[in-house]
N, C-alpha and C. Protein backbone atom coordinates (compact mmCIF):
# COMPACT_ATOMS: atom_id res chain seq x y z
N MET A 1 -217.93 145.93 -106.72
CA MET A 1 -218.48 144.61 -106.53
C MET A 1 -219.19 144.15 -107.81
N ARG A 2 -220.38 144.71 -108.11
CA ARG A 2 -221.11 144.40 -109.33
C ARG A 2 -221.68 145.69 -109.88
N ASP A 3 -222.25 145.61 -111.10
CA ASP A 3 -222.85 146.81 -111.70
C ASP A 3 -224.21 147.13 -111.09
N THR A 4 -224.88 146.14 -110.52
CA THR A 4 -226.17 146.38 -109.89
C THR A 4 -225.95 146.83 -108.44
N LEU A 5 -226.99 147.37 -107.86
CA LEU A 5 -226.90 147.81 -106.48
C LEU A 5 -226.68 146.61 -105.57
N SER A 6 -225.60 146.61 -104.85
CA SER A 6 -225.30 145.58 -103.85
C SER A 6 -224.44 146.24 -102.79
N PHE A 7 -224.46 145.69 -101.60
CA PHE A 7 -223.75 146.30 -100.49
C PHE A 7 -222.67 145.37 -99.97
N GLU A 8 -221.49 145.95 -99.74
CA GLU A 8 -220.39 145.19 -99.14
C GLU A 8 -220.59 145.06 -97.64
N TYR A 9 -221.15 146.08 -97.03
CA TYR A 9 -221.45 146.03 -95.60
C TYR A 9 -222.50 147.07 -95.26
N TYR A 10 -222.88 147.12 -94.00
CA TYR A 10 -223.95 148.00 -93.54
C TYR A 10 -223.45 148.85 -92.38
N GLU A 11 -224.05 150.03 -92.24
CA GLU A 11 -223.73 150.92 -91.12
C GLU A 11 -225.01 151.49 -90.55
N VAL A 12 -225.01 151.67 -89.25
CA VAL A 12 -226.08 152.40 -88.57
C VAL A 12 -225.48 153.72 -88.12
N ARG A 13 -226.15 154.81 -88.50
CA ARG A 13 -225.63 156.14 -88.16
C ARG A 13 -226.73 156.98 -87.51
N PRO A 14 -226.35 157.79 -86.53
CA PRO A 14 -227.30 158.75 -85.98
C PRO A 14 -227.49 159.90 -86.97
N CYS A 15 -228.70 160.46 -86.96
CA CYS A 15 -229.02 161.56 -87.87
C CYS A 15 -229.69 162.68 -87.10
N LEU A 16 -229.48 163.89 -87.60
CA LEU A 16 -230.07 165.08 -87.01
C LEU A 16 -230.73 165.86 -88.14
N GLU A 17 -232.02 166.14 -87.97
CA GLU A 17 -232.75 166.94 -88.96
C GLU A 17 -233.14 168.27 -88.32
N ARG A 18 -232.73 169.34 -88.98
CA ARG A 18 -233.17 170.67 -88.57
C ARG A 18 -233.09 171.59 -89.78
N ASP A 19 -233.96 172.57 -89.80
CA ASP A 19 -234.04 173.50 -90.93
C ASP A 19 -234.24 172.75 -92.25
N HIS A 20 -235.02 171.67 -92.22
CA HIS A 20 -235.36 170.88 -93.41
C HIS A 20 -234.13 170.24 -94.06
N GLN A 21 -233.07 170.05 -93.30
CA GLN A 21 -231.87 169.38 -93.79
C GLN A 21 -231.49 168.27 -92.82
N VAL A 22 -231.07 167.14 -93.39
CA VAL A 22 -230.68 165.98 -92.60
C VAL A 22 -229.17 165.79 -92.72
N ARG A 23 -228.56 165.55 -91.58
CA ARG A 23 -227.12 165.26 -91.55
C ARG A 23 -226.93 163.96 -90.79
N SER A 24 -226.18 163.02 -91.39
CA SER A 24 -225.87 161.78 -90.68
C SER A 24 -224.42 161.85 -90.21
N PHE A 25 -224.13 161.10 -89.16
CA PHE A 25 -222.82 161.18 -88.50
C PHE A 25 -222.22 159.79 -88.38
N ARG A 26 -220.96 159.67 -88.77
CA ARG A 26 -220.23 158.43 -88.52
C ARG A 26 -219.66 158.43 -87.11
N ASP A 27 -219.40 159.59 -86.57
CA ASP A 27 -218.82 159.74 -85.24
C ASP A 27 -219.92 160.17 -84.26
N GLU A 28 -220.24 159.29 -83.30
CA GLU A 28 -221.33 159.60 -82.37
C GLU A 28 -220.98 160.73 -81.40
N ASP A 29 -219.69 160.96 -81.13
CA ASP A 29 -219.31 162.08 -80.28
C ASP A 29 -219.62 163.40 -80.98
N VAL A 30 -219.32 163.50 -82.25
CA VAL A 30 -219.65 164.70 -83.03
C VAL A 30 -221.17 164.88 -83.07
N PHE A 31 -221.89 163.78 -83.23
CA PHE A 31 -223.36 163.82 -83.21
C PHE A 31 -223.87 164.40 -81.89
N GLN A 32 -223.33 163.93 -80.77
CA GLN A 32 -223.78 164.42 -79.46
C GLN A 32 -223.52 165.92 -79.31
N VAL A 33 -222.40 166.40 -79.82
CA VAL A 33 -222.09 167.83 -79.78
C VAL A 33 -223.13 168.61 -80.58
N GLU A 34 -223.48 168.10 -81.76
CA GLU A 34 -224.47 168.78 -82.60
C GLU A 34 -225.86 168.74 -81.97
N VAL A 35 -226.21 167.66 -81.31
CA VAL A 35 -227.50 167.59 -80.61
C VAL A 35 -227.53 168.61 -79.48
N ALA A 36 -226.46 168.70 -78.72
CA ALA A 36 -226.38 169.68 -77.63
C ALA A 36 -226.52 171.09 -78.18
N ARG A 37 -225.88 171.35 -79.30
CA ARG A 37 -225.99 172.67 -79.94
C ARG A 37 -227.42 172.92 -80.40
N ALA A 38 -228.07 171.91 -80.97
CA ALA A 38 -229.45 172.05 -81.44
C ALA A 38 -230.40 172.30 -80.27
N GLN A 39 -230.12 171.70 -79.12
CA GLN A 39 -230.97 171.87 -77.95
C GLN A 39 -230.92 173.30 -77.42
N THR A 40 -229.82 174.00 -77.64
CA THR A 40 -229.71 175.38 -77.16
C THR A 40 -230.35 176.37 -78.14
N ASP A 41 -230.51 175.96 -79.40
CA ASP A 41 -231.18 176.82 -80.39
C ASP A 41 -232.68 176.81 -80.15
N ALA A 42 -233.35 177.83 -80.62
CA ALA A 42 -234.79 177.92 -80.48
C ALA A 42 -235.51 177.14 -81.59
N ARG A 43 -234.77 176.68 -82.59
CA ARG A 43 -235.38 175.99 -83.72
C ARG A 43 -235.66 174.52 -83.39
N ALA A 44 -236.67 173.99 -84.04
CA ALA A 44 -237.04 172.59 -83.84
C ALA A 44 -236.02 171.69 -84.54
N PHE A 45 -235.84 170.48 -83.99
CA PHE A 45 -234.97 169.49 -84.60
C PHE A 45 -235.53 168.11 -84.29
N ARG A 46 -235.03 167.13 -85.03
CA ARG A 46 -235.45 165.74 -84.86
C ARG A 46 -234.21 164.85 -84.93
N VAL A 47 -234.16 163.84 -84.07
CA VAL A 47 -233.06 162.88 -84.03
C VAL A 47 -233.63 161.51 -84.41
N PHE A 48 -232.91 160.78 -85.25
CA PHE A 48 -233.29 159.42 -85.60
C PHE A 48 -232.04 158.66 -86.03
N TRP A 49 -232.20 157.39 -86.34
CA TRP A 49 -231.08 156.53 -86.75
C TRP A 49 -231.39 155.97 -88.13
N SER A 50 -230.38 155.93 -88.99
CA SER A 50 -230.56 155.40 -90.34
C SER A 50 -229.65 154.19 -90.56
N LEU A 51 -230.17 153.23 -91.31
CA LEU A 51 -229.39 152.07 -91.74
C LEU A 51 -228.95 152.34 -93.17
N TYR A 52 -227.64 152.21 -93.41
CA TYR A 52 -227.06 152.43 -94.73
C TYR A 52 -226.43 151.15 -95.24
N GLY A 53 -226.54 150.95 -96.55
CA GLY A 53 -225.76 149.94 -97.24
C GLY A 53 -224.58 150.65 -97.88
N VAL A 54 -223.38 150.06 -97.76
CA VAL A 54 -222.16 150.71 -98.27
C VAL A 54 -221.53 149.82 -99.34
N ASP A 55 -221.20 150.42 -100.47
CA ASP A 55 -220.50 149.76 -101.55
C ASP A 55 -219.65 150.78 -102.27
N ARG A 56 -218.38 150.45 -102.50
CA ARG A 56 -217.45 151.36 -103.18
C ARG A 56 -217.42 152.73 -102.49
N ASN A 57 -217.42 152.72 -101.20
CA ASN A 57 -217.37 153.94 -100.39
C ASN A 57 -218.56 154.87 -100.62
N THR A 58 -219.65 154.33 -101.17
CA THR A 58 -220.88 155.09 -101.33
C THR A 58 -221.92 154.51 -100.39
N ALA A 59 -222.51 155.37 -99.57
CA ALA A 59 -223.53 154.92 -98.63
C ALA A 59 -224.92 155.23 -99.19
N THR A 60 -225.79 154.22 -99.15
CA THR A 60 -227.17 154.38 -99.61
C THR A 60 -228.09 154.14 -98.42
N ALA A 61 -228.94 155.11 -98.12
CA ALA A 61 -229.87 154.96 -97.01
C ALA A 61 -230.89 153.87 -97.33
N ILE A 62 -231.07 152.97 -96.39
CA ILE A 62 -232.03 151.88 -96.53
C ILE A 62 -233.31 152.21 -95.78
N GLY A 63 -233.16 152.77 -94.58
CA GLY A 63 -234.34 153.08 -93.78
C GLY A 63 -233.98 153.90 -92.56
N ASP A 64 -234.98 154.58 -92.03
CA ASP A 64 -234.84 155.40 -90.83
C ASP A 64 -235.59 154.74 -89.68
N PHE A 65 -235.02 154.87 -88.47
CA PHE A 65 -235.57 154.21 -87.29
C PHE A 65 -235.59 155.17 -86.12
N VAL A 66 -236.50 154.95 -85.19
CA VAL A 66 -236.64 155.83 -84.04
C VAL A 66 -235.54 155.62 -83.01
N SER A 67 -234.87 154.47 -83.06
CA SER A 67 -233.82 154.20 -82.08
C SER A 67 -232.66 153.45 -82.73
N LYS A 68 -231.53 153.52 -82.08
CA LYS A 68 -230.34 152.79 -82.52
C LYS A 68 -230.60 151.29 -82.47
N ASP A 69 -231.26 150.83 -81.41
CA ASP A 69 -231.56 149.40 -81.27
C ASP A 69 -232.45 148.91 -82.41
N ALA A 70 -233.44 149.69 -82.79
CA ALA A 70 -234.33 149.29 -83.89
C ALA A 70 -233.56 149.20 -85.21
N ALA A 71 -232.64 150.12 -85.44
CA ALA A 71 -231.83 150.09 -86.66
C ALA A 71 -230.91 148.87 -86.66
N HIS A 72 -230.32 148.55 -85.51
CA HIS A 72 -229.46 147.36 -85.43
C HIS A 72 -230.27 146.08 -85.58
N GLU A 73 -231.49 146.07 -85.08
CA GLU A 73 -232.34 144.89 -85.25
C GLU A 73 -232.60 144.63 -86.74
N ALA A 74 -232.88 145.69 -87.49
CA ALA A 74 -233.10 145.55 -88.94
C ALA A 74 -231.82 145.07 -89.62
N MET A 75 -230.68 145.67 -89.26
CA MET A 75 -229.41 145.27 -89.86
C MET A 75 -229.11 143.80 -89.55
N ASN A 76 -229.31 143.40 -88.30
CA ASN A 76 -229.02 142.02 -87.93
C ASN A 76 -229.94 141.03 -88.62
N SER A 77 -231.17 141.43 -88.92
CA SER A 77 -232.05 140.53 -89.66
C SER A 77 -231.57 140.38 -91.11
N ILE A 78 -230.99 141.42 -91.68
CA ILE A 78 -230.40 141.33 -93.03
C ILE A 78 -229.17 140.42 -93.00
N LEU A 79 -228.39 140.51 -91.94
CA LEU A 79 -227.14 139.74 -91.84
C LEU A 79 -227.32 138.32 -91.31
N ALA A 80 -228.52 137.94 -90.90
CA ALA A 80 -228.73 136.62 -90.29
C ALA A 80 -228.39 135.48 -91.24
N ILE A 81 -228.84 135.53 -92.47
CA ILE A 81 -228.57 134.45 -93.42
C ILE A 81 -227.08 134.41 -93.80
N PRO A 82 -226.45 135.58 -94.14
CA PRO A 82 -225.00 135.51 -94.38
C PRO A 82 -224.23 134.97 -93.17
N ALA A 83 -224.66 135.30 -91.97
CA ALA A 83 -223.97 134.79 -90.78
C ALA A 83 -224.12 133.28 -90.67
N ALA A 84 -225.31 132.78 -90.96
CA ALA A 84 -225.52 131.32 -90.93
C ALA A 84 -224.68 130.63 -91.99
N ALA A 85 -224.59 131.23 -93.19
CA ALA A 85 -223.76 130.65 -94.25
C ALA A 85 -222.29 130.67 -93.86
N ARG A 86 -221.83 131.79 -93.29
CA ARG A 86 -220.45 131.87 -92.82
C ARG A 86 -220.15 130.78 -91.80
N ASN A 87 -221.06 130.62 -90.83
CA ASN A 87 -220.85 129.62 -89.78
C ASN A 87 -220.80 128.22 -90.36
N ALA A 88 -221.68 127.93 -91.33
CA ALA A 88 -221.68 126.60 -91.95
C ALA A 88 -220.38 126.37 -92.72
N LEU A 89 -219.91 127.39 -93.43
CA LEU A 89 -218.64 127.26 -94.16
C LEU A 89 -217.48 127.06 -93.21
N GLN A 90 -217.48 127.81 -92.10
CA GLN A 90 -216.40 127.65 -91.14
C GLN A 90 -216.43 126.27 -90.49
N ASP A 91 -217.63 125.74 -90.22
CA ASP A 91 -217.76 124.39 -89.67
C ASP A 91 -217.27 123.36 -90.67
N GLN A 92 -217.59 123.57 -91.96
CA GLN A 92 -217.16 122.65 -93.01
C GLN A 92 -215.65 122.62 -93.11
N GLN A 93 -215.03 123.79 -92.95
CA GLN A 93 -213.56 123.86 -93.05
C GLN A 93 -212.89 122.99 -92.01
N SER A 94 -213.44 122.96 -90.81
CA SER A 94 -212.79 122.20 -89.74
C SER A 94 -212.87 120.70 -89.98
N GLY A 95 -213.81 120.23 -90.80
CA GLY A 95 -213.95 118.81 -91.06
C GLY A 95 -213.33 118.35 -92.36
N THR A 96 -212.66 119.24 -93.08
CA THR A 96 -212.10 118.91 -94.39
C THR A 96 -210.76 118.20 -94.23
N ASP A 97 -210.58 117.10 -95.01
CA ASP A 97 -209.28 116.44 -94.97
C ASP A 97 -208.40 116.94 -96.12
N VAL A 98 -207.18 116.46 -96.18
CA VAL A 98 -206.17 116.96 -97.12
C VAL A 98 -206.61 116.79 -98.57
N LYS A 99 -207.33 115.71 -98.93
CA LYS A 99 -207.75 115.47 -100.31
C LYS A 99 -208.66 116.58 -100.83
N ASP A 100 -209.37 117.18 -99.97
CA ASP A 100 -210.33 118.21 -100.38
C ASP A 100 -209.77 119.61 -100.19
N GLU A 101 -208.46 119.76 -100.32
CA GLU A 101 -207.83 121.06 -100.07
C GLU A 101 -208.36 122.15 -100.99
N HIS A 102 -208.61 121.83 -102.27
CA HIS A 102 -209.14 122.83 -103.21
C HIS A 102 -210.52 123.31 -102.76
N LEU A 103 -211.38 122.38 -102.39
CA LEU A 103 -212.71 122.73 -101.89
C LEU A 103 -212.60 123.53 -100.59
N ALA A 104 -211.69 123.12 -99.74
CA ALA A 104 -211.49 123.84 -98.48
C ALA A 104 -211.04 125.27 -98.72
N HIS A 105 -210.16 125.47 -99.71
CA HIS A 105 -209.70 126.81 -100.05
C HIS A 105 -210.87 127.69 -100.50
N LYS A 106 -211.74 127.14 -101.35
CA LYS A 106 -212.92 127.89 -101.82
C LYS A 106 -213.87 128.20 -100.66
N ALA A 107 -214.08 127.22 -99.79
CA ALA A 107 -214.95 127.44 -98.64
C ALA A 107 -214.37 128.49 -97.71
N ARG A 108 -213.05 128.46 -97.52
CA ARG A 108 -212.38 129.46 -96.69
C ARG A 108 -212.55 130.86 -97.28
N ALA A 109 -212.40 130.98 -98.61
CA ALA A 109 -212.57 132.28 -99.27
C ALA A 109 -213.99 132.80 -99.11
N ALA A 110 -214.98 131.91 -99.26
CA ALA A 110 -216.38 132.31 -99.10
C ALA A 110 -216.66 132.73 -97.66
N ALA A 111 -216.16 131.96 -96.73
CA ALA A 111 -216.35 132.30 -95.31
C ALA A 111 -215.68 133.62 -94.97
N ASP A 112 -214.49 133.84 -95.52
CA ASP A 112 -213.79 135.10 -95.27
C ASP A 112 -214.56 136.30 -95.82
N TRP A 113 -215.13 136.14 -97.02
CA TRP A 113 -215.91 137.23 -97.62
C TRP A 113 -217.13 137.55 -96.77
N LEU A 114 -217.84 136.52 -96.34
CA LEU A 114 -219.02 136.72 -95.48
C LEU A 114 -218.60 137.31 -94.13
N ASP A 115 -217.50 136.82 -93.59
CA ASP A 115 -217.02 137.32 -92.30
C ASP A 115 -216.67 138.81 -92.40
N ASP A 116 -216.04 139.20 -93.50
CA ASP A 116 -215.69 140.59 -93.72
C ASP A 116 -216.94 141.46 -93.77
N MET A 117 -217.95 141.01 -94.50
CA MET A 117 -219.21 141.77 -94.59
C MET A 117 -219.85 141.93 -93.22
N ILE A 118 -219.91 140.85 -92.47
CA ILE A 118 -220.56 140.88 -91.16
C ILE A 118 -219.76 141.74 -90.19
N ASN A 119 -218.44 141.59 -90.17
CA ASN A 119 -217.62 142.32 -89.21
C ASN A 119 -217.50 143.80 -89.52
N GLN A 120 -217.57 144.19 -90.79
CA GLN A 120 -217.52 145.61 -91.12
C GLN A 120 -218.84 146.31 -90.85
N SER A 121 -219.90 145.55 -90.74
CA SER A 121 -221.22 146.14 -90.61
C SER A 121 -221.43 146.71 -89.23
N SER A 122 -221.19 147.95 -89.11
CA SER A 122 -221.69 148.90 -88.14
C SER A 122 -221.27 148.81 -86.69
N ASN A 123 -220.82 149.87 -86.22
CA ASN A 123 -220.82 150.36 -84.85
C ASN A 123 -220.66 149.33 -83.74
N LEU A 124 -219.79 148.38 -83.91
CA LEU A 124 -219.46 147.42 -82.86
C LEU A 124 -220.63 146.53 -82.45
N GLN A 125 -221.71 146.51 -83.22
CA GLN A 125 -222.83 145.61 -82.97
C GLN A 125 -222.62 144.38 -83.83
N ARG A 126 -222.40 143.24 -83.22
CA ARG A 126 -222.11 142.03 -83.97
C ARG A 126 -223.16 140.96 -83.70
N ILE A 127 -223.46 140.19 -84.74
CA ILE A 127 -224.40 139.08 -84.55
C ILE A 127 -223.62 137.81 -84.36
């Protein structure tokens, strides 16, 4: 995308901390298996949810949350302005006449980029 830190989309992932090591999971079924395994061990563990920004297939942790809902609330607040911009661009497209085809093409491209960011962002939670 750019040379500076920027994110193409966001993900919320469950995390398990035990033995001073943290592991995040993209697959919640695998996470549940690991939690069940941790519950049978005598060692202490902690479960939490992390919000990640993803760019070039690299995930960067943004923050940790006590619940999945809290992590999605933070993600949705980050995506609120891009979603509003996408909606405005999509509304503009529907009102464009043939003379403004070049402008409509640019608006469509911008809306598509924002739509891609919003739709790729995490675990079937959509704003």
